Amino acid sequence: MISEPGGNLSRRRMLGLAGIGVLAASGVLAACAPPPAEDPADGSSDPTARALGADAAIDTLTLALPSSLSSLDVGRESGVLNYLVAVLAQESLLSVDPSGKLGPGLATSWKQPDPRTYVYTLRRGVTFSDGTRFTADDVVASIETIRDPKNGSALGYAYAGVQSVKATGDHEVTIRLKAPDAMFAWTTTAGGLLVSSRAFLARNKGRVGTAKTLLLGTGPYRITEFAADDHVLLERNDAWWGEKPAVRKLKLSFVPDAGTRLVAMKSGAVDGALSLASDEARGWESSARVTYTGDRSVVSLAFDTAKAPFDDPHVRRAIAHAADREGMVKGILHGRAEVADALPSRDMWGDLMTPDEVRSGYDAIPSLAFDLDAARAELAKSSVKDGFTAELHYPNSGPQLGKAALALAASLKKIGITLKVKEITLEQWVAELGSGKQPLQFLWYFPVTGDPAELADPYLNAAATATDIAHYDNAAVNTALDTAKSATDRSVRAKELMKAVQTAGAELPYLPLWWAQTASALSKRYVLLDQGPFAFIGPWATRIRKSA
């Protein structure tokens, strides 16, 4: 879809910052103040909804998606919608459950005999949807394809620290790293690896994911048709090793216009939609079951700390005081977001710290409340006390970012700063992120792991030159993040990661605005089980049932 800006920032990482997101189910919704009530046992947010079993077959289900795809191959185009399709047909070594916990996938178990080695025991009796047998060599081939720079895979960055990948048995794969990396286990989930067969990859080199070639995987569905800019058709793979899904045939229609999507729902042309914007989702509530789930995504301003005037901490604090973040959440996002304290949401610390420990850690980050008098005072202390002019661009796939930018511009005007807000295409916006051309930018990121280092390390560590779009460089933060990366003790990792987040928070290279929710809608005839922040990272369609 796009080339790598400056040849540095991978397309996968860039689209983690993009309006179509990566893996998380919504690229255009944010929110959660107050948090939603606990879901009932069937996973629906509607307490009246009850699901029938998987044996209550659904012959055909049609869902609308808000954007088209040019490729099914996530190594070529890595947006959330690409993943929504690919994870139904292809699987990874490890899985991520809807709550964000690691679990088995094509590997039934895994172990780490030393800090640099991961050994995966593979599931037996698995076949690809074309009937061929799944082997350890197929895993090796899939990773080799990603690692080979000639293939230009957007996922290549994730394997930069890998020394070797070998089939060490008929049902065993061993991955050896160049140095310890505490987050590597997440690389072998869907965010970093979707397995295909060696024969298929060799036969279709450079053509995987096209309308003619499609995808080959071991997943619960096989793709039967792909028409770019229109739809994808999938059929149930009855040879799948897991529980047989209720949905036999699935059609994913690309319907970019919000009004057309809703009309299609009301007329019965579609049975629901994914990735709904906040304003749009409210309009669906009368005719569909709409669920909102925190997706751990973050919207933030990114200041280029290497360029004037944003190298001046007083300027950054002035803008922070002028940003009515609570007003944005309530007015723009209809209360379906939570004001963010840092880049990683509080939910991302689940395996490292208790909620109380995280809350205490975040409370130590200086809070810069909306206060125009304080904003004027900070600007008066700065190198541009008489004000300045800046630009802020937002992607056309994120209208709520545009509304937030205009609200900020109105506040900044009152203290003498002129902010020019401009809507550009998603492709243009992504290309700007790694270019260094815009010293003030939106960071819009959708995590694919349940680990705060996914956000902290790429965007706060100066060594991550391809992703540190704020050009932030603090020796204490760099050291803390490097220590956390190599640490094998969870308590040490937690302490060092929190230290980095707190230190950076005080210096404000980024101004976190909100942590988001995602919205999806289904006809009241159906229920999507096990809603959660990572509900769409795995084979989500297998959890759709008829309503009782």
Protein backbone atom coordinates (compact mmCIF):
# COMPACT_ATOMS: atom_id res chain seq x y z
CA MET A 1 0.00 0.00 0.00
CA ILE A 2 2.77 2.44 0.87
CA SER A 3 6.51 2.43 0.79
CA GLU A 4 8.66 2.77 3.85
CA PRO A 5 9.22 6.44 4.66
CA GLY A 6 12.88 7.18 4.31
CA GLY A 7 13.52 3.46 4.18
CA ASN A 8 13.52 3.34 7.97
CA LEU A 9 10.16 2.88 9.62
CA SER A 10 8.55 -0.42 8.66
CA ARG A 11 5.10 -0.39 7.14
CA ARG A 12 3.84 -2.62 9.94
CA ARG A 13 5.17 -0.25 12.58
CA MET A 14 3.91 2.78 10.68
CA LEU A 15 0.44 1.32 10.43
CA GLY A 16 0.57 0.70 14.14
CA LEU A 17 0.42 4.47 14.16
CA ALA A 18 -2.18 4.67 11.44
CA GLY A 19 -5.86 5.33 11.26
CA ILE A 20 -6.58 1.82 10.07
CA GLY A 21 -4.52 0.56 12.96
CA VAL A 22 -2.91 -2.81 13.41
CA LEU A 23 -4.99 -5.69 14.63
CA ALA A 24 -7.08 -3.79 17.10
CA ALA A 25 -10.62 -3.86 15.86
CA SER A 26 -11.22 -0.16 15.35
CA GLY A 27 -9.15 2.49 13.70
CA VAL A 28 -11.51 5.33 14.33
CA LEU A 29 -13.05 5.05 17.76
CA ALA A 30 -11.77 6.07 21.12
CA ALA A 31 -13.07 6.07 24.59
CA CYS A 32 -14.16 4.93 27.96
CA ALA A 33 -15.06 7.22 30.75
CA PRO A 34 -16.62 5.53 32.90
CA PRO A 35 -15.51 2.01 32.07
CA PRO A 36 -18.22 -0.25 30.64
CA ALA A 37 -20.11 -2.60 32.88
CA GLU A 38 -18.92 -6.17 33.18
CA ASP A 39 -19.99 -8.31 30.24
CA PRO A 40 -22.26 -11.28 30.86
CA ALA A 41 -21.02 -14.80 30.45
CA ASP A 42 -21.74 -14.95 26.73
CA GLY A 43 -19.35 -12.10 26.06
CA SER A 44 -21.97 -9.66 24.80
CA SER A 45 -22.41 -6.23 26.35
CA ASP A 46 -26.19 -6.73 26.01
CA PRO A 47 -27.42 -8.58 29.12
CA THR A 48 -30.47 -9.82 27.19
CA ALA A 49 -28.32 -11.62 24.59
CA ARG A 50 -27.74 -15.34 24.91
CA ALA A 51 -25.93 -17.50 22.39
CA LEU A 52 -26.82 -20.87 20.96
CA GLY A 53 -24.06 -23.45 20.50
CA ALA A 54 -21.76 -23.82 17.51
CA ASP A 55 -24.02 -26.59 16.17
CA ALA A 56 -26.66 -23.94 15.37
CA ALA A 57 -25.18 -23.27 11.95
CA ILE A 58 -25.16 -19.87 10.27
CA ASP A 59 -25.15 -20.51 6.54
CA THR A 60 -23.92 -17.08 5.43
CA LEU A 61 -22.90 -13.97 7.37
CA THR A 62 -22.14 -10.62 5.71
CA LEU A 63 -20.24 -7.90 7.56
CA ALA A 64 -19.28 -4.42 6.38
CA LEU A 65 -15.75 -3.05 6.74
CA PRO A 66 -15.01 0.69 6.46
CA SER A 67 -12.16 0.51 3.96
CA SER A 68 -10.93 -1.60 1.07
CA LEU A 69 -7.81 -3.77 0.83
CA SER A 70 -5.23 -3.92 -1.90
CA SER A 71 -3.58 -7.09 -0.56
CA LEU A 72 -4.44 -9.95 1.79
CA ASP A 73 -0.77 -10.41 2.70
CA VAL A 74 -0.05 -8.63 5.98
CA GLY A 75 3.60 -8.51 4.96
CA ARG A 76 2.57 -6.20 2.12
CA GLU A 77 -0.23 -4.25 3.72
CA SER A 78 -0.50 -4.38 7.47
CA GLY A 79 -3.64 -2.53 8.46
CA VAL A 80 -6.20 -3.78 10.94
CA LEU A 81 -8.57 -4.84 8.16
CA ASN A 82 -5.86 -6.94 6.50
CA TYR A 83 -5.38 -8.74 9.80
CA LEU A 84 -9.12 -9.17 10.34
CA VAL A 85 -9.14 -11.28 7.19
CA ALA A 86 -5.76 -12.99 7.47
CA VAL A 87 -6.21 -14.32 11.04
CA LEU A 88 -9.23 -16.30 9.88
CA ALA A 89 -7.18 -18.19 7.30
CA GLN A 90 -3.70 -18.26 8.82
CA GLU A 91 -2.40 -19.04 12.30
CA SER A 92 0.66 -18.24 14.38
CA LEU A 93 2.80 -20.28 16.75
CA LEU A 94 1.26 -18.61 19.79
CA SER A 95 -2.16 -17.07 20.23
CA VAL A 96 -3.45 -14.05 22.13
CA ASP A 97 -6.79 -14.51 23.84
CA PRO A 98 -9.39 -11.69 23.90
CA SER A 99 -8.05 -10.46 27.23
CA GLY A 100 -4.47 -10.23 25.89
CA LYS A 101 -2.87 -13.34 27.39
CA LEU A 102 -0.44 -15.56 25.50
CA GLY A 103 -1.60 -19.08 24.74
CA PRO A 104 -1.00 -22.03 22.41
CA GLY A 105 -1.60 -21.81 18.68
CA LEU A 106 0.16 -23.97 16.11
CA ALA A 107 2.54 -24.62 19.00
CA THR A 108 0.91 -26.52 21.85
CA SER A 109 3.69 -25.45 24.22
CA TRP A 110 6.91 -23.47 24.29
CA LYS A 111 9.86 -23.11 26.60
CA GLN A 112 12.85 -20.84 27.05
CA PRO A 113 15.85 -22.93 28.13
CA ASP A 114 18.01 -19.80 28.25
CA PRO A 115 17.35 -16.06 27.72
CA ARG A 116 18.23 -16.25 24.02
CA THR A 117 16.47 -19.48 23.00
CA TYR A 118 12.81 -20.30 22.36
CA VAL A 119 11.70 -23.86 21.65
CA TYR A 120 8.21 -24.52 20.27
CA THR A 121 6.50 -27.92 20.30
CA LEU A 122 4.12 -28.04 17.34
CA ARG A 123 0.56 -29.30 17.20
CA ARG A 124 0.22 -32.71 15.53
CA GLY A 125 -2.30 -33.68 12.89
CA VAL A 126 -2.66 -30.17 11.42
CA THR A 127 -3.19 -29.66 7.70
CA PHE A 128 -3.33 -26.60 5.47
CA SER A 129 -6.68 -25.81 3.88
CA ASP A 130 -5.46 -27.37 0.61
CA GLY A 131 -5.04 -30.70 2.40
CA THR A 132 -1.24 -30.71 2.65
CA ARG A 133 0.39 -31.56 5.98
CA PHE A 134 1.69 -28.81 8.27
CA THR A 135 5.35 -29.34 9.29
CA ALA A 136 8.09 -27.63 11.25
CA ASP A 137 9.72 -26.72 7.94
CA ASP A 138 6.67 -24.60 7.04
CA VAL A 139 7.24 -22.50 10.15
CA VAL A 140 10.91 -22.08 9.23
CA ALA A 141 9.95 -21.09 5.66
CA SER A 142 7.39 -18.56 6.86
CA ILE A 143 9.91 -16.85 9.13
CA GLU A 144 12.65 -17.02 6.48
CA THR A 145 10.29 -15.25 4.05
CA ILE A 146 9.75 -12.44 6.55
CA ARG A 147 13.46 -12.15 7.35
CA ASP A 148 14.65 -12.09 3.74
CA PRO A 149 15.19 -8.40 2.88
CA LYS A 150 14.60 -9.17 -0.80
CA ASN A 151 10.96 -9.85 0.02
CA GLY A 152 10.47 -6.45 1.63
CA SER A 153 8.15 -7.79 4.33
CA ALA A 154 6.66 -5.16 6.60
CA LEU A 155 7.23 -7.58 9.49
CA GLY A 156 10.98 -7.87 8.92
CA TYR A 157 11.82 -5.46 11.74
CA ALA A 158 10.39 -7.92 14.29
CA TYR A 159 13.06 -10.50 13.43
CA ALA A 160 16.08 -8.19 13.33
CA GLY A 161 17.30 -9.72 16.60
CA VAL A 162 16.98 -13.34 15.43
CA GLN A 163 20.19 -15.29 14.92
CA SER A 164 18.72 -18.55 13.59
CA VAL A 165 15.47 -20.44 13.01
CA LYS A 166 15.69 -24.23 12.74
CA ALA A 167 13.44 -27.28 12.65
CA THR A 168 14.95 -29.27 15.51
CA GLY A 169 12.51 -32.14 15.22
CA ASP A 170 9.49 -33.28 13.21
CA HIS A 171 7.30 -31.24 15.53
CA GLU A 172 9.76 -28.76 16.99
CA VAL A 173 11.13 -25.35 16.00
CA THR A 174 13.95 -23.56 17.80
CA ILE A 175 14.58 -19.83 17.47
CA ARG A 176 17.87 -18.41 18.69
CA LEU A 177 18.25 -14.68 19.35
CA LYS A 178 21.38 -12.55 19.05
CA ALA A 179 20.68 -11.08 22.51
CA PRO A 180 17.97 -11.52 25.15
CA ASP A 181 14.66 -9.85 24.31
CA ALA A 182 11.97 -10.12 26.95
CA MET A 183 9.21 -9.36 24.44
CA PHE A 184 10.16 -11.83 21.74
CA ALA A 185 7.47 -14.37 22.62
CA TRP A 186 4.91 -11.87 21.33
CA THR A 187 6.64 -11.85 17.93
CA THR A 188 5.37 -15.35 17.22
CA THR A 189 1.74 -14.31 17.71
CA ALA A 190 -0.40 -13.05 14.84
CA GLY A 191 1.11 -9.58 15.04
CA GLY A 192 4.46 -10.90 13.83
CA LEU A 193 3.88 -14.29 12.24
CA LEU A 194 1.14 -15.90 10.14
CA VAL A 195 2.23 -19.30 8.87
CA SER A 196 1.90 -20.60 5.31
CA SER A 197 3.48 -23.60 3.59
CA ARG A 198 6.97 -23.59 2.10
CA ALA A 199 5.65 -24.94 -1.20
CA PHE A 200 2.96 -22.24 -1.47
CA LEU A 201 5.41 -19.44 -0.62
CA ALA A 202 7.98 -20.68 -3.13
CA ARG A 203 5.41 -21.18 -5.87
CA ASN A 204 3.84 -17.74 -5.40
CA LYS A 205 6.79 -15.56 -4.47
CA GLY A 206 5.82 -11.92 -4.90
CA ARG A 207 2.17 -12.81 -5.56
CA VAL A 208 0.89 -13.92 -2.15
CA GLY A 209 -2.28 -12.11 -1.14
CA THR A 210 -3.39 -11.11 -4.64
CA ALA A 211 -6.85 -11.79 -6.08
CA LYS A 212 -5.41 -14.70 -8.06
CA THR A 213 -3.22 -16.28 -5.40
CA LEU A 214 -5.12 -15.46 -2.16
CA LEU A 215 -3.66 -16.94 1.09
CA LEU A 216 -2.96 -20.45 2.30
CA GLY A 217 -3.06 -21.29 5.98
CA THR A 218 -4.17 -23.78 8.61
CA GLY A 219 -6.94 -21.60 10.05
CA PRO A 220 -10.68 -22.18 10.52
CA TYR A 221 -11.52 -20.56 7.18
CA ARG A 222 -10.17 -20.62 3.65
CA ILE A 223 -10.39 -17.60 1.39
CA THR A 224 -12.24 -18.38 -1.83
CA GLU A 225 -12.42 -14.96 -3.47
CA PHE A 226 -10.88 -11.51 -3.12
CA ALA A 227 -12.00 -8.51 -5.12
CA ALA A 228 -9.92 -5.48 -4.16
CA ASP A 229 -12.11 -2.48 -3.32
CA ASP A 230 -15.19 -4.70 -2.99
CA HIS A 231 -15.16 -7.86 -0.87
CA VAL A 232 -13.54 -11.03 0.48
CA LEU A 233 -15.34 -14.39 0.57
CA LEU A 234 -14.41 -17.12 3.05
CA GLU A 235 -15.66 -20.65 3.64
CA ARG A 236 -15.32 -22.80 6.73
CA ASN A 237 -12.30 -25.12 6.69
CA ASP A 238 -13.84 -28.34 8.00
CA ALA A 239 -10.36 -29.88 8.37
CA TRP A 240 -9.39 -27.29 10.98
CA TRP A 241 -8.04 -28.82 14.18
CA GLY A 242 -10.22 -26.62 16.43
CA GLU A 243 -13.93 -26.59 17.23
CA LYS A 244 -16.05 -26.27 14.10
CA PRO A 245 -17.30 -22.66 13.71
CA ALA A 246 -21.02 -21.95 13.43
CA VAL A 247 -20.55 -19.61 10.44
CA ARG A 248 -20.19 -21.64 7.24
CA LYS A 249 -19.66 -18.80 4.76
CA LEU A 250 -18.49 -15.29 5.54
CA LYS A 251 -18.57 -12.26 3.26
CA LEU A 252 -16.64 -9.14 4.24
CA SER A 253 -17.84 -6.23 2.13
CA PHE A 254 -15.83 -3.02 1.80
CA VAL A 255 -18.26 -0.12 2.32
CA PRO A 256 -16.33 3.12 2.89
CA ASP A 257 -19.35 5.42 3.28
CA ALA A 258 -20.84 5.46 6.79
CA GLY A 259 -24.37 6.25 5.62
CA THR A 260 -24.30 3.47 3.06
CA ARG A 261 -23.19 1.00 5.74
CA LEU A 262 -26.12 1.87 7.99
CA VAL A 263 -28.63 1.71 5.13
CA ALA A 264 -27.23 -1.71 4.21
CA MET A 265 -27.75 -2.86 7.78
CA LYS A 266 -31.33 -1.60 7.98
CA SER A 267 -32.19 -3.20 4.63
CA GLY A 268 -30.69 -6.53 5.61
CA ALA A 269 -27.93 -6.39 3.01
CA VAL A 270 -25.36 -6.80 5.78
CA ASP A 271 -25.56 -8.45 9.19
CA GLY A 272 -23.26 -6.04 10.97
CA ALA A 273 -20.08 -4.00 10.77
CA LEU A 274 -16.65 -3.76 12.34
CA SER A 275 -14.46 -0.74 13.08
CA LEU A 276 -17.25 1.75 13.61
CA ALA A 277 -16.45 5.39 14.40
CA SER A 278 -17.91 6.77 17.64
CA ASP A 279 -20.45 9.05 15.96
CA GLU A 280 -21.46 6.27 13.57
CA ALA A 281 -21.73 3.59 16.25
CA ARG A 282 -24.38 5.53 18.16
CA GLY A 283 -26.59 5.51 15.06
CA TRP A 284 -26.45 1.70 14.92
CA GLU A 285 -27.74 1.16 18.44
CA SER A 286 -31.41 1.15 17.42
CA SER A 287 -31.01 -1.54 14.77
CA ALA A 288 -28.08 -3.67 15.95
CA ARG A 289 -26.28 -4.88 19.02
CA VAL A 290 -23.32 -2.50 19.42
CA THR A 291 -20.46 -3.41 21.73
CA TYR A 292 -17.70 -1.11 22.94
CA THR A 293 -14.46 -2.55 24.25
CA GLY A 294 -11.27 -0.86 25.39
CA ASP A 295 -8.63 -1.74 22.80
CA ARG A 296 -5.55 -0.26 24.56
CA SER A 297 -4.92 2.06 21.62
CA VAL A 298 -3.59 5.54 22.31
CA VAL A 299 -3.93 8.91 20.62
CA SER A 300 -1.18 11.36 21.49
CA LEU A 301 0.57 14.44 20.25
CA ALA A 302 4.22 13.88 19.36
CA PHE A 303 6.60 16.84 19.70
CA ASP A 304 9.86 16.76 17.76
CA THR A 305 12.16 17.59 20.65
CA ALA A 306 15.06 18.15 18.24
CA LYS A 307 13.35 21.07 16.48
CA ALA A 308 12.36 24.53 17.61
CA PRO A 309 10.09 25.53 19.15
CA PHE A 310 9.20 22.05 20.43
CA ASP A 311 12.69 21.53 21.83
CA ASP A 312 11.60 24.00 24.52
CA PRO A 313 9.86 22.22 27.44
CA HIS A 314 7.92 25.39 28.24
CA VAL A 315 6.33 25.27 24.79
CA ARG A 316 5.37 21.63 25.28
CA ARG A 317 3.86 22.38 28.68
CA ALA A 318 1.97 25.39 27.30
CA ILE A 319 0.34 23.17 24.67
CA ALA A 320 -0.41 20.52 27.29
CA HIS A 321 -2.22 23.06 29.49
CA ALA A 322 -4.15 24.30 26.44
CA ALA A 323 -5.40 20.82 25.55
CA ASP A 324 -8.81 20.15 27.07
CA ARG A 325 -8.43 16.40 27.06
CA GLU A 326 -11.46 15.75 29.26
CA GLY A 327 -13.52 17.92 26.95
CA MET A 328 -12.31 15.93 23.95
CA VAL A 329 -13.32 12.65 25.57
CA LYS A 330 -16.74 13.90 26.61
CA GLY A 331 -17.60 16.05 23.61
CA ILE A 332 -15.88 14.43 20.65
CA LEU A 333 -15.86 10.82 21.79
CA HIS A 334 -19.14 10.84 23.72
CA GLY A 335 -17.48 9.51 26.86
CA ARG A 336 -16.23 6.45 25.00
CA ALA A 337 -12.58 7.04 25.89
CA GLU A 338 -10.37 7.65 28.89
CA VAL A 339 -7.95 10.53 29.32
CA ALA A 340 -4.49 8.99 28.97
CA ASP A 341 -1.73 9.40 31.55
CA ALA A 342 1.01 7.80 29.41
CA LEU A 343 1.49 6.01 26.09
CA PRO A 344 0.87 2.45 27.40
CA SER A 345 -2.62 2.08 28.81
CA ARG A 346 -2.94 0.86 32.38
CA ASP A 347 -4.33 -2.46 31.12
CA MET A 348 -1.05 -3.27 29.35
CA TRP A 349 0.76 -3.90 32.64
CA GLY A 350 -1.32 -6.91 33.64
CA ASP A 351 1.52 -9.47 33.65
CA LEU A 352 3.99 -7.13 35.34
CA MET A 353 2.14 -5.05 37.94
CA THR A 354 -1.13 -5.03 39.82
CA PRO A 355 -3.70 -2.34 38.92
CA ASP A 356 -2.94 -0.53 42.18
CA GLU A 357 0.79 -0.52 41.45
CA VAL A 358 0.21 0.84 37.96
CA ARG A 359 -2.16 3.51 39.26
CA SER A 360 0.39 4.56 41.85
CA GLY A 361 3.13 4.67 39.22
CA TYR A 362 1.07 6.80 36.85
CA ASP A 363 0.01 9.13 39.66
CA ALA A 364 3.69 10.10 39.95
CA ILE A 365 3.66 11.51 36.41
CA PRO A 366 3.03 15.29 36.56
CA SER A 367 -0.53 16.07 35.53
CA LEU A 368 -0.92 19.14 33.34
CA ALA A 369 -4.60 20.01 33.57
CA PHE A 370 -6.49 22.21 31.12
CA ASP A 371 -5.68 25.73 32.31
CA LEU A 372 -5.25 28.59 29.85
CA ASP A 373 -3.69 30.87 32.47
CA ALA A 374 -1.05 28.21 33.17
CA ALA A 375 -0.59 27.81 29.42
CA ARG A 376 0.05 31.55 29.00
CA ALA A 377 2.51 31.50 31.90
CA GLU A 378 4.48 28.63 30.36
CA LEU A 379 4.55 30.32 26.96
CA ALA A 380 5.83 33.53 28.59
CA LYS A 381 8.81 31.59 29.95
CA SER A 382 9.61 30.08 26.56
CA SER A 383 11.86 31.10 23.69
CA VAL A 384 8.75 32.12 21.69
CA LYS A 385 6.90 34.14 24.29
CA ASP A 386 5.10 36.14 21.59
CA GLY A 387 3.68 32.99 20.06
CA PHE A 388 4.34 31.07 16.86
CA THR A 389 2.60 29.23 14.02
CA ALA A 390 2.59 25.46 13.56
CA GLU A 391 0.76 22.83 11.52
CA LEU A 392 -0.94 19.64 12.63
CA HIS A 393 -2.05 17.07 10.04
CA TYR A 394 -4.52 14.26 10.60
CA PRO A 395 -5.54 11.31 8.39
CA ASN A 396 -8.93 11.30 6.69
CA SER A 397 -9.59 7.90 8.30
CA GLY A 398 -9.60 9.55 11.74
CA PRO A 399 -12.20 12.34 11.83
CA GLN A 400 -12.10 12.44 15.62
CA LEU A 401 -8.41 13.39 15.44
CA GLY A 402 -9.38 16.29 13.22
CA LYS A 403 -12.01 17.45 15.71
CA ALA A 404 -9.49 17.21 18.54
CA ALA A 405 -6.97 19.22 16.50
CA LEU A 406 -9.51 21.97 15.81
CA ALA A 407 -10.46 22.12 19.49
CA LEU A 408 -6.80 22.45 20.40
CA ALA A 409 -6.30 25.15 17.76
CA ALA A 410 -9.15 27.18 19.24
CA SER A 411 -7.57 27.03 22.70
CA LEU A 412 -4.06 27.82 21.45
CA LYS A 413 -5.34 30.87 19.59
CA LYS A 414 -6.36 32.35 22.96
CA ILE A 415 -2.75 32.24 24.19
CA GLY A 416 -1.13 33.50 20.99
CA ILE A 417 -0.28 30.28 19.13
CA THR A 418 -1.66 29.72 15.64
CA LEU A 419 -2.24 26.05 14.83
CA LYS A 420 -3.13 25.25 11.23
CA VAL A 421 -5.06 22.01 10.99
CA LYS A 422 -5.07 20.03 7.75
CA GLU A 423 -6.72 16.77 6.69
CA ILE A 424 -4.62 14.58 4.42
CA THR A 425 -4.95 11.05 3.09
CA LEU A 426 -3.93 8.14 5.27
CA GLU A 427 -1.08 7.31 2.90
CA GLN A 428 0.24 10.89 3.06
CA TRP A 429 -0.05 10.95 6.82
CA VAL A 430 1.80 7.66 7.29
CA ALA A 431 4.54 8.81 4.93
CA GLU A 432 5.04 11.96 7.02
CA LEU A 433 5.44 10.10 10.32
CA GLY A 434 8.95 8.89 9.72
CA SER A 435 10.08 11.73 7.50
CA GLY A 436 10.87 14.39 10.11
CA LYS A 437 9.03 16.97 8.00
CA GLN A 438 6.34 17.73 10.58
CA PRO A 439 7.62 18.70 14.07
CA LEU A 440 4.10 18.35 15.55
CA GLN A 441 2.24 15.13 14.78
CA PHE A 442 -0.42 12.77 16.00
CA LEU A 443 0.75 9.41 17.29
CA TRP A 444 -2.13 6.93 16.86
CA TYR A 445 -1.12 3.44 17.91
CA PHE A 446 -2.88 0.10 18.29
CA PRO A 447 -0.97 -2.43 20.44
CA VAL A 448 -0.78 -6.07 19.40
CA THR A 449 0.71 -7.31 22.68
CA GLY A 450 -0.15 -7.11 26.34
CA ASP A 451 3.22 -5.60 27.27
CA PRO A 452 3.90 -1.88 27.91
CA ALA A 453 7.33 -2.18 26.28
CA GLU A 454 5.59 -2.36 22.90
CA LEU A 455 4.98 1.38 23.19
CA ALA A 456 7.71 2.43 25.60
CA ASP A 457 10.72 1.00 23.81
CA PRO A 458 10.07 2.11 20.21
CA TYR A 459 8.90 5.63 21.05
CA LEU A 460 11.00 6.57 24.08
CA ASN A 461 14.33 4.83 23.43
CA ALA A 462 16.77 6.94 21.41
CA ALA A 463 18.30 3.73 20.02
CA ALA A 464 15.03 3.13 18.16
CA THR A 465 15.86 5.73 15.55
CA ALA A 466 13.26 4.43 13.10
CA THR A 467 10.33 4.83 15.49
CA ASP A 468 11.32 7.54 17.99
CA ILE A 469 9.33 10.16 16.09
CA ALA A 470 9.77 12.64 18.96
CA HIS A 471 13.58 12.31 18.64
CA TYR A 472 13.58 11.99 22.39
CA ASP A 473 16.91 11.17 24.01
CA ASN A 474 17.25 10.78 27.77
CA ALA A 475 20.14 8.64 29.04
CA ALA A 476 18.25 7.44 32.11
CA VAL A 477 15.26 6.43 30.00
CA ASN A 478 17.45 4.66 27.44
CA THR A 479 19.24 2.71 30.17
CA ALA A 480 16.00 1.73 31.88
CA LEU A 481 14.49 0.47 28.62
CA ASP A 482 17.63 -1.45 27.67
CA THR A 483 17.70 -3.06 31.10
CA ALA A 484 14.04 -3.99 30.83
CA LYS A 485 14.59 -5.58 27.43
CA SER A 486 17.28 -7.95 28.67
CA ALA A 487 15.81 -8.60 32.12
CA THR A 488 14.58 -12.10 32.91
CA ASP A 489 13.07 -11.09 36.26
CA ARG A 490 9.56 -9.66 35.84
CA SER A 491 9.83 -7.38 38.84
CA VAL A 492 13.01 -5.85 37.40
CA ARG A 493 11.32 -5.37 34.02
CA ALA A 494 8.33 -3.73 35.65
CA LYS A 495 10.44 -1.37 37.72
CA GLU A 496 12.62 -0.28 34.79
CA LEU A 497 9.71 0.16 32.38
CA MET A 498 7.78 2.26 34.88
CA LYS A 499 10.89 4.35 35.55
CA ALA A 500 11.19 5.06 31.82
CA VAL A 501 7.52 5.95 31.44
CA GLN A 502 7.58 8.24 34.49
CA THR A 503 10.79 10.04 33.51
CA ALA A 504 9.61 10.60 29.95
CA GLY A 505 6.18 11.66 31.16
CA ALA A 506 7.70 14.48 33.15
CA GLU A 507 9.65 15.73 30.11
CA LEU A 508 6.67 15.52 27.75
CA PRO A 509 8.05 14.36 24.39
CA TYR A 510 4.50 13.11 23.84
CA LEU A 511 1.22 14.46 25.18
CA PRO A 512 -1.12 11.46 25.56
CA LEU A 513 -4.69 12.52 24.82
CA TRP A 514 -6.84 9.41 25.27
CA TRP A 515 -6.96 5.63 25.42
CA ALA A 516 -9.62 4.29 23.10
CA GLN A 517 -12.38 1.76 22.79
CA THR A 518 -13.44 -0.15 19.71
CA ALA A 519 -16.99 -0.58 18.44
CA SER A 520 -18.59 -3.38 16.47
CA ALA A 521 -22.21 -4.04 15.57
CA LEU A 522 -24.09 -7.24 14.85
CA SER A 523 -27.68 -7.96 13.98
CA LYS A 524 -29.54 -8.93 17.13
CA ARG A 525 -29.85 -12.39 15.61
CA TYR A 526 -26.18 -12.97 16.40
CA VAL A 527 -23.75 -12.73 19.31
CA LEU A 528 -19.97 -12.32 19.31
CA LEU A 529 -18.60 -14.19 22.33
CA ASP A 530 -15.64 -13.19 24.48
CA GLN A 531 -15.38 -9.50 23.72
CA GLY A 532 -12.10 -8.06 24.97
CA PRO A 533 -9.30 -5.67 24.03
CA PHE A 534 -7.72 -8.32 21.79
CA ALA A 535 -10.94 -9.89 20.53
CA PHE A 536 -9.99 -9.55 16.87
CA ILE A 537 -6.36 -10.70 17.00
CA GLY A 538 -7.33 -14.36 16.70
CA PRO A 539 -9.96 -16.19 14.63
CA TRP A 540 -12.81 -13.95 15.79
CA ALA A 541 -15.47 -15.34 13.43
CA THR A 542 -15.32 -18.69 15.24
CA ARG A 543 -16.91 -16.96 18.24
CA ILE A 544 -20.01 -15.75 16.40
CA ARG A 545 -23.21 -17.59 17.33
CA LYS A 546 -26.92 -17.32 16.75
CA SER A 547 -28.75 -15.57 19.55
CA ALA A 548 -30.94 -17.82 21.63
